[in-house]
Amino acid sequence: MDATVAVSAVRDVGPRTVALELESPEGFDAEPGQFVKLSTTIDGDGYARFYTLSSPGVDDTFEVTVGVDPEEAGPFSRFLIDLRPGDTLDVSGPFGDSYYEGEPRVVVLAGGPGIGPAVGIAEAAVADGNDAAIVYRTDAVAHRDRLDALRESGASVVVVDEGEEISDAVAAALGDDDGEQVFVYGFAGFVNDATSALDAAGLGPDDAKVENFG
């Protein structure tokens, strides 16, 4: 689906991180963990980038989480963080096969911006009465309030400092439920560390749904 959508809200959700709430175009549907392409034209040049949903579902609106380093931000990143309610941009999608499908237990390994889909998937699982665990490696925690709410609901949430090993945290998060599904979201370095941790725990490459942000 291709559509032009309006911004419903922009919220600061952590250091260098904002959540964009966008109005859902008619007929739009997406699952937690899928991603959309956001695009616009700036000074005659077209820009586009993919963002994974951070909302647990889609109703009148949906959410994506945008992390931006002000010192490295390009024109499109600056455009996104400067958006205000009522502004518009183009959206295409949804895309991706690494999404929540009602599994009875989910374990989400998130690096940096991977926290967006992590909280969306975990919230969807908890709302369905299922179990959820998150292992989140970062040097700047985003969506802290949603992580706290997930803990209060009974989900396991472990935050690991950037640069630290995640193998122990991953091993502790994994259960022995036959219906358990592991998800991995993050940039290539984190994905490599996460899949290595899963391998050490006895899980192969086909045992996880993985989205590499590049």
N, C-alpha and C. Protein backbone atom coordinates (compact mmCIF):
# COMPACT_ATOMS: atom_id res chain seq x y z
N MET A 1 0.83 -1.19 0.00
CA MET A 1 0.00 0.00 0.00
C MET A 1 0.87 1.24 0.00
N ASP A 2 0.52 2.22 -0.82
CA ASP A 2 1.21 3.51 -0.87
C ASP A 2 0.19 4.60 -0.54
N ALA A 3 0.54 5.47 0.39
CA ALA A 3 -0.39 6.51 0.80
C ALA A 3 0.38 7.68 1.41
N THR A 4 -0.26 8.82 1.44
CA THR A 4 0.24 9.98 2.17
C THR A 4 -0.52 10.06 3.48
N VAL A 5 0.21 10.12 4.59
CA VAL A 5 -0.44 10.09 5.90
C VAL A 5 -0.05 11.32 6.71
N ALA A 6 -0.90 11.63 7.67
CA ALA A 6 -0.64 12.75 8.57
C ALA A 6 -0.02 12.26 9.86
N VAL A 7 0.79 13.11 10.45
CA VAL A 7 1.37 12.84 11.75
C VAL A 7 0.34 13.17 12.83
N SER A 8 0.10 12.20 13.71
CA SER A 8 -0.85 12.41 14.80
C SER A 8 -0.17 12.93 16.05
N ALA A 9 1.04 12.43 16.34
CA ALA A 9 1.75 12.88 17.53
C ALA A 9 3.23 12.58 17.37
N VAL A 10 4.06 13.35 18.05
CA VAL A 10 5.51 13.14 18.11
C VAL A 10 5.89 13.18 19.58
N ARG A 11 6.54 12.10 20.06
CA ARG A 11 6.89 12.02 21.49
C ARG A 11 8.37 11.70 21.66
N ASP A 12 9.02 12.40 22.58
CA ASP A 12 10.37 12.02 22.99
C ASP A 12 10.27 10.76 23.85
N VAL A 13 11.01 9.71 23.47
CA VAL A 13 10.91 8.45 24.21
C VAL A 13 12.27 7.98 24.73
N GLY A 14 13.27 8.86 24.67
CA GLY A 14 14.59 8.50 25.15
C GLY A 14 15.64 9.39 24.53
N PRO A 15 16.89 9.23 24.94
CA PRO A 15 17.97 10.03 24.36
C PRO A 15 18.05 9.86 22.84
N ARG A 16 17.98 10.97 22.14
CA ARG A 16 18.10 10.97 20.67
C ARG A 16 17.05 10.10 19.99
N THR A 17 15.89 9.94 20.62
CA THR A 17 14.88 9.02 20.10
C THR A 17 13.50 9.63 20.20
N VAL A 18 12.73 9.56 19.11
CA VAL A 18 11.34 10.01 19.12
C VAL A 18 10.45 8.90 18.56
N ALA A 19 9.21 8.92 19.01
CA ALA A 19 8.20 8.02 18.46
C ALA A 19 7.24 8.85 17.62
N LEU A 20 7.04 8.42 16.38
CA LEU A 20 6.10 9.09 15.48
C LEU A 20 4.82 8.29 15.43
N GLU A 21 3.73 8.91 15.81
CA GLU A 21 2.41 8.28 15.67
C GLU A 21 1.78 8.80 14.39
N LEU A 22 1.47 7.89 13.48
CA LEU A 22 0.98 8.25 12.15
C LEU A 22 -0.43 7.74 11.96
N GLU A 23 -1.24 8.53 11.27
CA GLU A 23 -2.60 8.10 10.99
C GLU A 23 -2.58 6.95 9.99
N SER A 24 -3.38 5.93 10.25
CA SER A 24 -3.41 4.75 9.37
C SER A 24 -4.24 5.05 8.13
N PRO A 25 -3.68 4.79 6.95
CA PRO A 25 -4.49 4.97 5.74
C PRO A 25 -5.58 3.90 5.68
N GLU A 26 -6.61 4.16 4.93
CA GLU A 26 -7.72 3.22 4.83
C GLU A 26 -7.23 1.87 4.30
N GLY A 27 -7.60 0.81 4.99
CA GLY A 27 -7.23 -0.54 4.58
C GLY A 27 -5.86 -0.98 5.03
N PHE A 28 -5.13 -0.11 5.73
CA PHE A 28 -3.77 -0.46 6.16
C PHE A 28 -3.83 -1.42 7.34
N ASP A 29 -3.03 -2.48 7.27
CA ASP A 29 -2.94 -3.43 8.36
C ASP A 29 -1.51 -3.95 8.43
N ALA A 30 -0.99 -4.10 9.64
CA ALA A 30 0.37 -4.58 9.82
C ALA A 30 0.47 -5.28 11.17
N GLU A 31 1.40 -6.20 11.26
CA GLU A 31 1.61 -6.95 12.49
C GLU A 31 2.86 -6.41 13.21
N PRO A 32 2.90 -6.55 14.55
CA PRO A 32 4.08 -6.11 15.29
C PRO A 32 5.34 -6.80 14.79
N GLY A 33 6.32 -6.02 14.40
CA GLY A 33 7.56 -6.56 13.85
C GLY A 33 7.71 -6.31 12.36
N GLN A 34 6.61 -5.98 11.68
CA GLN A 34 6.73 -5.61 10.26
C GLN A 34 7.22 -4.17 10.15
N PHE A 35 7.63 -3.78 8.94
CA PHE A 35 8.16 -2.43 8.77
C PHE A 35 7.52 -1.74 7.58
N VAL A 36 7.65 -0.42 7.56
CA VAL A 36 7.11 0.40 6.49
C VAL A 36 8.23 1.27 5.93
N LYS A 37 8.01 1.78 4.74
CA LYS A 37 8.94 2.74 4.14
C LYS A 37 8.34 4.13 4.27
N LEU A 38 9.07 5.03 4.89
CA LEU A 38 8.67 6.42 4.98
C LEU A 38 9.49 7.22 3.98
N SER A 39 8.84 8.15 3.29
CA SER A 39 9.55 8.90 2.27
C SER A 39 8.96 10.31 2.13
N THR A 40 9.77 11.20 1.56
CA THR A 40 9.34 12.56 1.29
C THR A 40 10.31 13.19 0.29
N THR A 41 9.99 14.39 -0.14
CA THR A 41 10.87 15.17 -1.01
C THR A 41 11.32 16.41 -0.25
N ILE A 42 12.64 16.63 -0.25
CA ILE A 42 13.21 17.78 0.45
C ILE A 42 14.07 18.56 -0.53
N ASP A 43 13.71 19.79 -0.78
CA ASP A 43 14.45 20.65 -1.71
C ASP A 43 14.65 19.96 -3.06
N GLY A 44 13.61 19.27 -3.52
CA GLY A 44 13.63 18.64 -4.83
C GLY A 44 14.25 17.26 -4.87
N ASP A 45 14.81 16.80 -3.76
CA ASP A 45 15.44 15.48 -3.70
C ASP A 45 14.56 14.51 -2.91
N GLY A 46 14.42 13.28 -3.42
CA GLY A 46 13.64 12.27 -2.74
C GLY A 46 14.45 11.52 -1.70
N TYR A 47 13.84 11.27 -0.56
CA TYR A 47 14.48 10.51 0.52
C TYR A 47 13.52 9.44 1.01
N ALA A 48 14.07 8.30 1.43
CA ALA A 48 13.24 7.23 1.97
C ALA A 48 14.06 6.38 2.93
N ARG A 49 13.37 5.81 3.91
CA ARG A 49 14.03 4.92 4.85
C ARG A 49 12.97 3.99 5.45
N PHE A 50 13.43 2.81 5.86
CA PHE A 50 12.52 1.82 6.42
C PHE A 50 12.54 1.89 7.95
N TYR A 51 11.34 1.78 8.55
CA TYR A 51 11.20 1.78 10.00
C TYR A 51 10.23 0.68 10.42
N THR A 52 10.60 -0.03 11.47
CA THR A 52 9.77 -1.11 11.97
C THR A 52 8.73 -0.56 12.94
N LEU A 53 7.52 -1.11 12.87
CA LEU A 53 6.47 -0.66 13.78
C LEU A 53 6.89 -0.87 15.23
N SER A 54 6.58 0.11 16.08
CA SER A 54 6.81 -0.05 17.51
C SER A 54 5.51 -0.08 18.29
N SER A 55 4.39 -0.04 17.59
CA SER A 55 3.10 -0.19 18.25
C SER A 55 2.71 -1.66 18.24
N PRO A 56 1.93 -2.10 19.24
CA PRO A 56 1.54 -3.51 19.30
C PRO A 56 0.50 -3.91 18.27
N GLY A 57 0.01 -2.96 17.52
CA GLY A 57 -0.98 -3.25 16.49
C GLY A 57 -1.29 -1.98 15.72
N VAL A 58 -2.29 -2.07 14.86
CA VAL A 58 -2.71 -0.93 14.04
C VAL A 58 -4.20 -0.71 14.26
N ASP A 59 -4.57 0.50 14.59
CA ASP A 59 -5.99 0.87 14.60
C ASP A 59 -6.13 2.16 13.81
N ASP A 60 -6.54 3.25 14.44
CA ASP A 60 -6.62 4.52 13.72
C ASP A 60 -5.24 5.10 13.46
N THR A 61 -4.26 4.67 14.26
CA THR A 61 -2.89 5.13 14.10
C THR A 61 -1.94 3.96 14.28
N PHE A 62 -0.69 4.16 13.90
CA PHE A 62 0.38 3.23 14.21
C PHE A 62 1.63 4.04 14.52
N GLU A 63 2.62 3.37 15.12
CA GLU A 63 3.79 4.08 15.59
C GLU A 63 5.08 3.48 15.05
N VAL A 64 6.04 4.35 14.78
CA VAL A 64 7.41 3.92 14.50
C VAL A 64 8.32 4.71 15.42
N THR A 65 9.48 4.13 15.74
CA THR A 65 10.44 4.77 16.61
C THR A 65 11.67 5.16 15.80
N VAL A 66 12.09 6.40 15.94
CA VAL A 66 13.18 6.95 15.14
C VAL A 66 14.31 7.38 16.07
N GLY A 67 15.47 6.77 15.90
CA GLY A 67 16.66 7.19 16.64
C GLY A 67 17.56 8.03 15.75
N VAL A 68 18.00 9.16 16.27
CA VAL A 68 18.79 10.10 15.45
C VAL A 68 19.97 10.62 16.27
N ASP A 69 21.15 10.57 15.69
CA ASP A 69 22.32 11.21 16.27
C ASP A 69 22.42 12.61 15.66
N PRO A 70 22.18 13.66 16.45
CA PRO A 70 22.17 15.01 15.88
C PRO A 70 23.44 15.37 15.14
N GLU A 71 24.58 14.79 15.55
CA GLU A 71 25.84 15.13 14.91
C GLU A 71 25.99 14.46 13.55
N GLU A 72 25.20 13.41 13.30
CA GLU A 72 25.31 12.68 12.04
C GLU A 72 24.03 12.72 11.22
N ALA A 73 23.02 13.42 11.69
CA ALA A 73 21.72 13.42 11.03
C ALA A 73 21.79 14.06 9.65
N GLY A 74 21.23 13.36 8.66
CA GLY A 74 21.10 13.89 7.32
C GLY A 74 19.78 14.62 7.15
N PRO A 75 19.49 15.09 5.93
CA PRO A 75 18.26 15.86 5.70
C PRO A 75 16.99 15.11 6.09
N PHE A 76 16.93 13.80 5.78
CA PHE A 76 15.69 13.07 6.06
C PHE A 76 15.52 12.84 7.56
N SER A 77 16.61 12.52 8.26
CA SER A 77 16.52 12.35 9.71
C SER A 77 16.07 13.65 10.38
N ARG A 78 16.64 14.77 9.93
CA ARG A 78 16.23 16.06 10.51
C ARG A 78 14.77 16.35 10.19
N PHE A 79 14.33 15.97 8.98
CA PHE A 79 12.92 16.15 8.62
C PHE A 79 12.02 15.36 9.56
N LEU A 80 12.40 14.12 9.85
CA LEU A 80 11.56 13.28 10.71
C LEU A 80 11.46 13.82 12.13
N ILE A 81 12.60 14.21 12.71
CA ILE A 81 12.55 14.65 14.10
C ILE A 81 11.94 16.04 14.24
N ASP A 82 11.82 16.78 13.13
CA ASP A 82 11.19 18.10 13.18
C ASP A 82 9.70 18.05 12.86
N LEU A 83 9.16 16.85 12.58
CA LEU A 83 7.74 16.73 12.25
C LEU A 83 6.87 17.16 13.42
N ARG A 84 5.71 17.70 13.10
CA ARG A 84 4.74 18.11 14.09
C ARG A 84 3.36 17.56 13.70
N PRO A 85 2.45 17.42 14.65
CA PRO A 85 1.11 16.94 14.31
C PRO A 85 0.49 17.75 13.18
N GLY A 86 -0.06 17.02 12.20
CA GLY A 86 -0.64 17.65 11.03
C GLY A 86 0.26 17.64 9.82
N ASP A 87 1.58 17.52 10.02
CA ASP A 87 2.49 17.37 8.90
C ASP A 87 2.24 16.04 8.20
N THR A 88 2.68 15.92 6.97
CA THR A 88 2.43 14.69 6.20
C THR A 88 3.72 14.12 5.64
N LEU A 89 3.69 12.83 5.35
CA LEU A 89 4.76 12.14 4.64
C LEU A 89 4.17 10.91 3.98
N ASP A 90 4.93 10.31 3.09
CA ASP A 90 4.45 9.16 2.35
C ASP A 90 4.85 7.86 3.04
N VAL A 91 3.97 6.87 2.97
CA VAL A 91 4.25 5.58 3.59
C VAL A 91 3.91 4.46 2.61
N SER A 92 4.74 3.43 2.58
CA SER A 92 4.51 2.24 1.77
C SER A 92 4.67 1.02 2.67
N GLY A 93 3.93 -0.03 2.35
CA GLY A 93 4.06 -1.27 3.12
C GLY A 93 2.72 -1.79 3.59
N PRO A 94 2.75 -2.72 4.51
CA PRO A 94 3.90 -3.16 5.31
C PRO A 94 4.74 -4.21 4.57
N PHE A 95 5.98 -4.40 5.09
CA PHE A 95 6.91 -5.38 4.56
C PHE A 95 7.43 -6.25 5.70
N GLY A 96 8.02 -7.39 5.34
CA GLY A 96 8.74 -8.20 6.31
C GLY A 96 7.98 -9.42 6.78
N ASP A 97 8.74 -10.48 7.05
CA ASP A 97 8.18 -11.75 7.53
C ASP A 97 8.52 -12.02 9.00
N SER A 98 9.31 -11.16 9.62
CA SER A 98 9.74 -11.41 11.01
C SER A 98 8.82 -10.68 11.97
N TYR A 99 7.63 -11.20 12.13
CA TYR A 99 6.64 -10.52 12.97
C TYR A 99 5.93 -11.50 13.90
N TYR A 100 5.27 -10.95 14.89
CA TYR A 100 4.54 -11.72 15.89
C TYR A 100 3.29 -12.35 15.27
N GLU A 101 3.12 -13.64 15.52
CA GLU A 101 1.98 -14.37 14.98
C GLU A 101 1.22 -15.12 16.08
N GLY A 102 1.18 -14.54 17.26
CA GLY A 102 0.41 -15.12 18.34
C GLY A 102 1.10 -16.26 19.07
N GLU A 103 2.43 -16.35 18.95
CA GLU A 103 3.16 -17.42 19.63
C GLU A 103 2.95 -17.33 21.14
N PRO A 104 2.88 -18.49 21.83
CA PRO A 104 2.59 -18.48 23.27
C PRO A 104 3.69 -17.87 24.13
N ARG A 105 4.92 -17.82 23.61
CA ARG A 105 5.99 -17.15 24.34
C ARG A 105 6.94 -16.52 23.33
N VAL A 106 7.30 -15.25 23.57
CA VAL A 106 8.22 -14.55 22.67
C VAL A 106 9.44 -14.10 23.45
N VAL A 107 10.59 -14.21 22.82
CA VAL A 107 11.85 -13.68 23.36
C VAL A 107 12.40 -12.75 22.30
N VAL A 108 12.51 -11.47 22.63
CA VAL A 108 12.96 -10.48 21.65
C VAL A 108 14.33 -9.95 22.05
N LEU A 109 15.31 -10.13 21.18
CA LEU A 109 16.66 -9.62 21.39
C LEU A 109 16.79 -8.34 20.57
N ALA A 110 17.04 -7.23 21.24
CA ALA A 110 17.01 -5.92 20.58
C ALA A 110 18.31 -5.17 20.82
N GLY A 111 18.85 -4.63 19.75
CA GLY A 111 20.01 -3.77 19.84
C GLY A 111 19.66 -2.39 19.37
N GLY A 112 19.94 -1.35 20.17
CA GLY A 112 19.68 0.02 19.74
C GLY A 112 18.24 0.23 19.30
N PRO A 113 18.03 0.62 18.02
CA PRO A 113 16.68 0.91 17.54
C PRO A 113 15.78 -0.32 17.47
N GLY A 114 16.34 -1.49 17.70
CA GLY A 114 15.51 -2.69 17.75
C GLY A 114 14.53 -2.69 18.90
N ILE A 115 14.67 -1.73 19.83
CA ILE A 115 13.73 -1.65 20.94
C ILE A 115 12.33 -1.32 20.47
N GLY A 116 12.20 -0.65 19.32
CA GLY A 116 10.86 -0.33 18.80
C GLY A 116 10.02 -1.58 18.59
N PRO A 117 10.44 -2.47 17.69
CA PRO A 117 9.67 -3.70 17.51
C PRO A 117 9.64 -4.56 18.77
N ALA A 118 10.67 -4.48 19.61
CA ALA A 118 10.69 -5.30 20.82
C ALA A 118 9.51 -4.96 21.73
N VAL A 119 9.30 -3.67 22.01
CA VAL A 119 8.19 -3.32 22.89
C VAL A 119 6.85 -3.59 22.23
N GLY A 120 6.76 -3.37 20.92
CA GLY A 120 5.50 -3.65 20.22
C GLY A 120 5.13 -5.12 20.29
N ILE A 121 6.09 -5.99 20.02
CA ILE A 121 5.83 -7.43 20.05
C ILE A 121 5.51 -7.90 21.47
N ALA A 122 6.30 -7.44 22.45
CA ALA A 122 6.07 -7.87 23.82
C ALA A 122 4.70 -7.41 24.32
N GLU A 123 4.32 -6.19 24.00
CA GLU A 123 3.00 -5.70 24.42
C GLU A 123 1.88 -6.48 23.77
N ALA A 124 2.05 -6.82 22.50
CA ALA A 124 1.02 -7.62 21.81
C ALA A 124 0.89 -8.99 22.45
N ALA A 125 2.04 -9.61 22.78
CA ALA A 125 2.01 -10.92 23.40
C ALA A 125 1.33 -10.87 24.76
N VAL A 126 1.70 -9.89 25.58
CA VAL A 126 1.09 -9.76 26.91
C VAL A 126 -0.41 -9.52 26.79
N ALA A 127 -0.82 -8.68 25.84
CA ALA A 127 -2.25 -8.42 25.64
C ALA A 127 -3.01 -9.69 25.26
N ASP A 128 -2.32 -10.61 24.60
CA ASP A 128 -2.93 -11.88 24.20
C ASP A 128 -2.89 -12.91 25.33
N GLY A 129 -2.31 -12.55 26.47
CA GLY A 129 -2.18 -13.49 27.56
C GLY A 129 -1.00 -14.42 27.43
N ASN A 130 -0.04 -14.06 26.58
CA ASN A 130 1.16 -14.88 26.37
C ASN A 130 2.34 -14.32 27.14
N ASP A 131 3.43 -15.09 27.18
CA ASP A 131 4.63 -14.69 27.91
C ASP A 131 5.58 -13.91 26.99
N ALA A 132 6.35 -13.01 27.59
CA ALA A 132 7.29 -12.20 26.81
C ALA A 132 8.55 -11.94 27.60
N ALA A 133 9.67 -11.92 26.88
CA ALA A 133 10.97 -11.56 27.46
C ALA A 133 11.72 -10.70 26.46
N ILE A 134 12.41 -9.69 26.97
CA ILE A 134 13.22 -8.80 26.13
C ILE A 134 14.64 -8.76 26.69
N VAL A 135 15.62 -8.90 25.81
CA VAL A 135 17.01 -8.60 26.13
C VAL A 135 17.41 -7.42 25.24
N TYR A 136 17.76 -6.32 25.84
CA TYR A 136 17.95 -5.05 25.13
C TYR A 136 19.34 -4.51 25.44
N ARG A 137 20.18 -4.41 24.39
CA ARG A 137 21.52 -3.85 24.58
C ARG A 137 21.59 -2.44 24.03
N THR A 138 22.02 -1.51 24.88
CA THR A 138 22.02 -0.11 24.48
C THR A 138 22.87 0.71 25.44
N ASP A 139 23.29 1.89 25.00
CA ASP A 139 23.91 2.85 25.90
C ASP A 139 22.99 4.01 26.20
N ALA A 140 21.75 3.95 25.69
CA ALA A 140 20.78 5.03 25.90
C ALA A 140 19.38 4.43 25.83
N VAL A 141 18.82 4.12 26.98
CA VAL A 141 17.55 3.40 27.03
C VAL A 141 16.41 4.25 26.47
N ALA A 142 15.66 3.68 25.54
CA ALA A 142 14.46 4.31 24.99
C ALA A 142 13.23 3.52 25.42
N HIS A 143 12.08 4.16 25.37
CA HIS A 143 10.80 3.53 25.77
C HIS A 143 10.87 2.97 27.19
N ARG A 144 11.52 3.73 28.07
CA ARG A 144 11.69 3.27 29.45
C ARG A 144 10.34 3.02 30.13
N ASP A 145 9.35 3.92 29.89
CA ASP A 145 8.06 3.75 30.55
C ASP A 145 7.35 2.49 30.09
N ARG A 146 7.47 2.16 28.81
CA ARG A 146 6.83 0.95 28.31
C ARG A 146 7.55 -0.30 28.81
N LEU A 147 8.87 -0.22 28.94
CA LEU A 147 9.61 -1.35 29.51
C LEU A 147 9.20 -1.57 30.97
N ASP A 148 9.04 -0.49 31.73
CA ASP A 148 8.61 -0.62 33.11
C ASP A 148 7.22 -1.23 33.19
N ALA A 149 6.33 -0.81 32.30
CA ALA A 149 4.97 -1.36 32.29
C ALA A 149 4.99 -2.85 31.94
N LEU A 150 5.87 -3.24 31.04
CA LEU A 150 5.98 -4.65 30.69
C LEU A 150 6.46 -5.46 31.89
N ARG A 151 7.45 -4.94 32.62
CA ARG A 151 7.90 -5.62 33.83
C ARG A 151 6.76 -5.80 34.81
N GLU A 152 5.98 -4.75 35.00
CA GLU A 152 4.86 -4.81 35.94
C GLU A 152 3.81 -5.82 35.51
N SER A 153 3.71 -6.05 34.21
CA SER A 153 2.73 -7.02 33.70
C SER A 153 3.24 -8.45 33.77
N GLY A 154 4.50 -8.63 34.19
CA GLY A 154 5.05 -9.97 34.33
C GLY A 154 6.06 -10.36 33.28
N ALA A 155 6.30 -9.50 32.31
CA ALA A 155 7.30 -9.80 31.29
C ALA A 155 8.71 -9.65 31.87
N SER A 156 9.66 -10.39 31.31
CA SER A 156 11.06 -10.27 31.71
C SER A 156 11.73 -9.24 30.80
N VAL A 157 12.38 -8.26 31.41
CA VAL A 157 13.09 -7.23 30.64
C VAL A 157 14.49 -7.08 31.24
N VAL A 158 15.51 -7.34 30.41
CA VAL A 158 16.90 -7.21 30.85
C VAL A 158 17.60 -6.23 29.91
N VAL A 159 18.22 -5.20 30.50
CA VAL A 159 18.97 -4.21 29.73
C VAL A 159 20.46 -4.45 29.95
N VAL A 160 21.20 -4.59 28.85
CA VAL A 160 22.64 -4.84 28.88
C VAL A 160 23.34 -3.62 28.29
N ASP A 161 24.39 -3.17 28.95
CA ASP A 161 25.13 -2.01 28.46
C ASP A 161 25.77 -2.30 27.11
N GLU A 162 25.82 -1.27 26.27
CA GLU A 162 26.47 -1.37 24.96
C GLU A 162 27.91 -1.85 25.13
N GLY A 163 28.30 -2.81 24.30
CA GLY A 163 29.65 -3.33 24.36
C GLY A 163 29.80 -4.55 25.24
N GLU A 164 28.81 -4.84 26.08
CA GLU A 164 28.90 -6.01 26.94
C GLU A 164 28.36 -7.25 26.23
N GLU A 165 28.83 -8.40 26.67
CA GLU A 165 28.35 -9.67 26.12
C GLU A 165 26.88 -9.88 26.51
N ILE A 166 26.13 -10.50 25.60
CA ILE A 166 24.72 -10.76 25.89
C ILE A 166 24.42 -12.24 26.06
N SER A 167 25.44 -13.09 25.95
CA SER A 167 25.20 -14.54 25.95
C SER A 167 24.49 -15.01 27.21
N ASP A 168 24.93 -14.54 28.38
CA ASP A 168 24.30 -14.97 29.63
C ASP A 168 22.86 -14.51 29.71
N ALA A 169 22.62 -13.26 29.31
CA ALA A 169 21.26 -12.73 29.36
C ALA A 169 20.34 -13.47 28.39
N VAL A 170 20.87 -13.80 27.22
CA VAL A 170 20.07 -14.55 26.25
C VAL A 170 19.75 -15.94 26.77
N ALA A 171 20.75 -16.61 27.30
CA ALA A 171 20.53 -17.96 27.83
C ALA A 171 19.49 -17.95 28.94
N ALA A 172 19.53 -16.92 29.81
CA ALA A 172 18.58 -16.84 30.91
C ALA A 172 17.16 -16.53 30.41
N ALA A 173 17.06 -15.79 29.29
CA ALA A 173 15.73 -15.43 28.77
C ALA A 173 15.04 -16.58 28.08
N LEU A 174 15.81 -17.50 27.53
CA LEU A 174 15.22 -18.60 26.78
C LEU A 174 14.57 -19.60 27.72
N GLY A 175 13.43 -20.13 27.29
CA GLY A 175 12.74 -21.16 28.05
C GLY A 175 12.77 -22.48 27.33
N ASP A 176 11.95 -23.40 27.77
CA ASP A 176 11.89 -24.72 27.12
C ASP A 176 10.52 -24.98 26.53
N ASP A 177 9.78 -23.90 26.29
CA ASP A 177 8.44 -24.01 25.70
C ASP A 177 8.57 -24.32 24.21
N ASP A 178 7.90 -25.36 23.75
CA ASP A 178 7.95 -25.73 22.33
C ASP A 178 7.39 -24.63 21.44
N GLY A 179 6.52 -23.80 22.01
CA GLY A 179 5.93 -22.73 21.21
C GLY A 179 6.67 -21.42 21.31
N GLU A 180 7.84 -21.42 21.92
CA GLU A 180 8.61 -20.18 22.08
C GLU A 180 9.17 -19.72 20.73
N GLN A 181 9.06 -18.41 20.49
CA GLN A 181 9.62 -17.83 19.26
C GLN A 181 10.60 -16.73 19.62
N VAL A 182 11.80 -16.82 19.05
CA VAL A 182 12.83 -15.81 19.27
C VAL A 182 12.83 -14.83 18.09
N PHE A 183 12.96 -13.55 18.43
CA PHE A 183 13.07 -12.48 17.43
C PHE A 183 14.38 -11.73 17.68
N VAL A 184 15.02 -11.27 16.60
CA VAL A 184 16.24 -10.48 16.71
C VAL A 184 16.09 -9.24 15.83
N TYR A 185 16.29 -8.05 16.44
CA TYR A 185 16.19 -6.79 15.69
C TYR A 185 17.37 -5.90 16.06
N GLY A 186 18.06 -5.40 15.03
CA GLY A 186 19.16 -4.47 15.30
C GLY A 186 20.09 -4.38 14.11
N PHE A 187 21.14 -3.59 14.27
CA PHE A 187 22.14 -3.46 13.22
C PHE A 187 23.02 -4.71 13.17
N ALA A 188 23.82 -4.81 12.12
CA ALA A 188 24.54 -6.05 11.82
C ALA A 188 25.40 -6.54 12.98
N GLY A 189 26.12 -5.63 13.65
CA GLY A 189 26.97 -6.06 14.75
C GLY A 189 26.19 -6.73 15.86
N PHE A 190 25.05 -6.14 16.21
CA PHE A 190 24.22 -6.75 17.25
C PHE A 190 23.64 -8.07 16.78
N VAL A 191 23.17 -8.11 15.54
CA VAL A 191 22.58 -9.35 15.01
C VAL A 191 23.61 -10.48 15.08
N ASN A 192 24.85 -10.18 14.72
CA ASN A 192 25.90 -11.21 14.80
C ASN A 192 26.10 -11.69 16.23
N ASP A 193 26.13 -10.76 17.18
CA ASP A 193 26.30 -11.14 18.58
C ASP A 193 25.10 -11.95 19.08
N ALA A 194 23.90 -11.54 18.67
CA ALA A 194 22.70 -12.23 19.13
C ALA A 194 22.61 -13.64 18.56
N THR A 195 22.92 -13.80 17.28
CA THR A 195 22.85 -15.13 16.69
C THR A 195 23.95 -16.03 17.24
N SER A 196 25.10 -15.45 17.58
CA SER A 196 26.16 -16.24 18.23
C SER A 196 25.71 -16.71 19.61
N ALA A 197 25.02 -15.83 20.35
CA ALA A 197 24.51 -16.21 21.66
C ALA A 197 23.45 -17.30 21.54
N LEU A 198 22.62 -17.21 20.52
CA LEU A 198 21.61 -18.25 20.30
C LEU A 198 22.26 -19.57 19.92
N ASP A 199 23.29 -19.49 19.09
CA ASP A 199 24.02 -20.70 18.71
C ASP A 199 24.63 -21.37 19.93
N ALA A 200 25.21 -20.58 20.83
CA ALA A 200 25.79 -21.13 22.05
C ALA A 200 24.73 -21.79 22.92
N ALA A 201 23.49 -21.31 22.80
CA ALA A 201 22.39 -21.88 23.58
C ALA A 201 21.73 -23.05 22.86
N GLY A 202 22.25 -23.41 21.68
CA GLY A 202 21.74 -24.57 20.97
C GLY A 202 20.65 -24.29 19.96
N LEU A 203 20.48 -23.02 19.59
CA LEU A 203 19.47 -22.66 18.60
C LEU A 203 20.14 -22.33 17.28
N GLY A 204 19.61 -22.86 16.19
CA GLY A 204 20.17 -22.64 14.87
C GLY A 204 19.59 -21.42 14.19
N PRO A 205 20.08 -21.09 12.99
CA PRO A 205 19.65 -19.88 12.28
C PRO A 205 18.17 -19.87 11.91
N ASP A 206 17.57 -21.04 11.79
CA ASP A 206 16.16 -21.09 11.43
C ASP A 206 15.24 -21.03 12.63
N ASP A 207 15.81 -20.94 13.84
CA ASP A 207 15.01 -20.93 15.05
C ASP A 207 14.60 -19.53 15.47
N ALA A 208 15.06 -18.51 14.76
CA ALA A 208 14.75 -17.12 15.12
C ALA A 208 14.25 -16.36 13.90
N LYS A 209 13.41 -15.38 14.17
CA LYS A 209 12.99 -14.43 13.14
C LYS A 209 13.90 -13.21 13.29
N VAL A 210 14.66 -12.92 12.24
CA VAL A 210 15.73 -11.93 12.34
C VAL A 210 15.49 -10.79 11.35
N GLU A 211 15.62 -9.57 11.84
CA GLU A 211 15.57 -8.38 10.98
C GLU A 211 16.85 -7.59 11.19
N ASN A 212 17.71 -7.60 10.16
CA ASN A 212 18.99 -6.90 10.21
C ASN A 212 18.81 -5.51 9.62
N PHE A 213 19.08 -4.47 10.43
CA PHE A 213 18.88 -3.09 9.96
C PHE A 213 20.03 -2.59 9.11
N GLY A 214 21.04 -3.44 8.89
CA GLY A 214 22.14 -3.05 8.02
C GLY A 214 23.39 -2.65 8.78
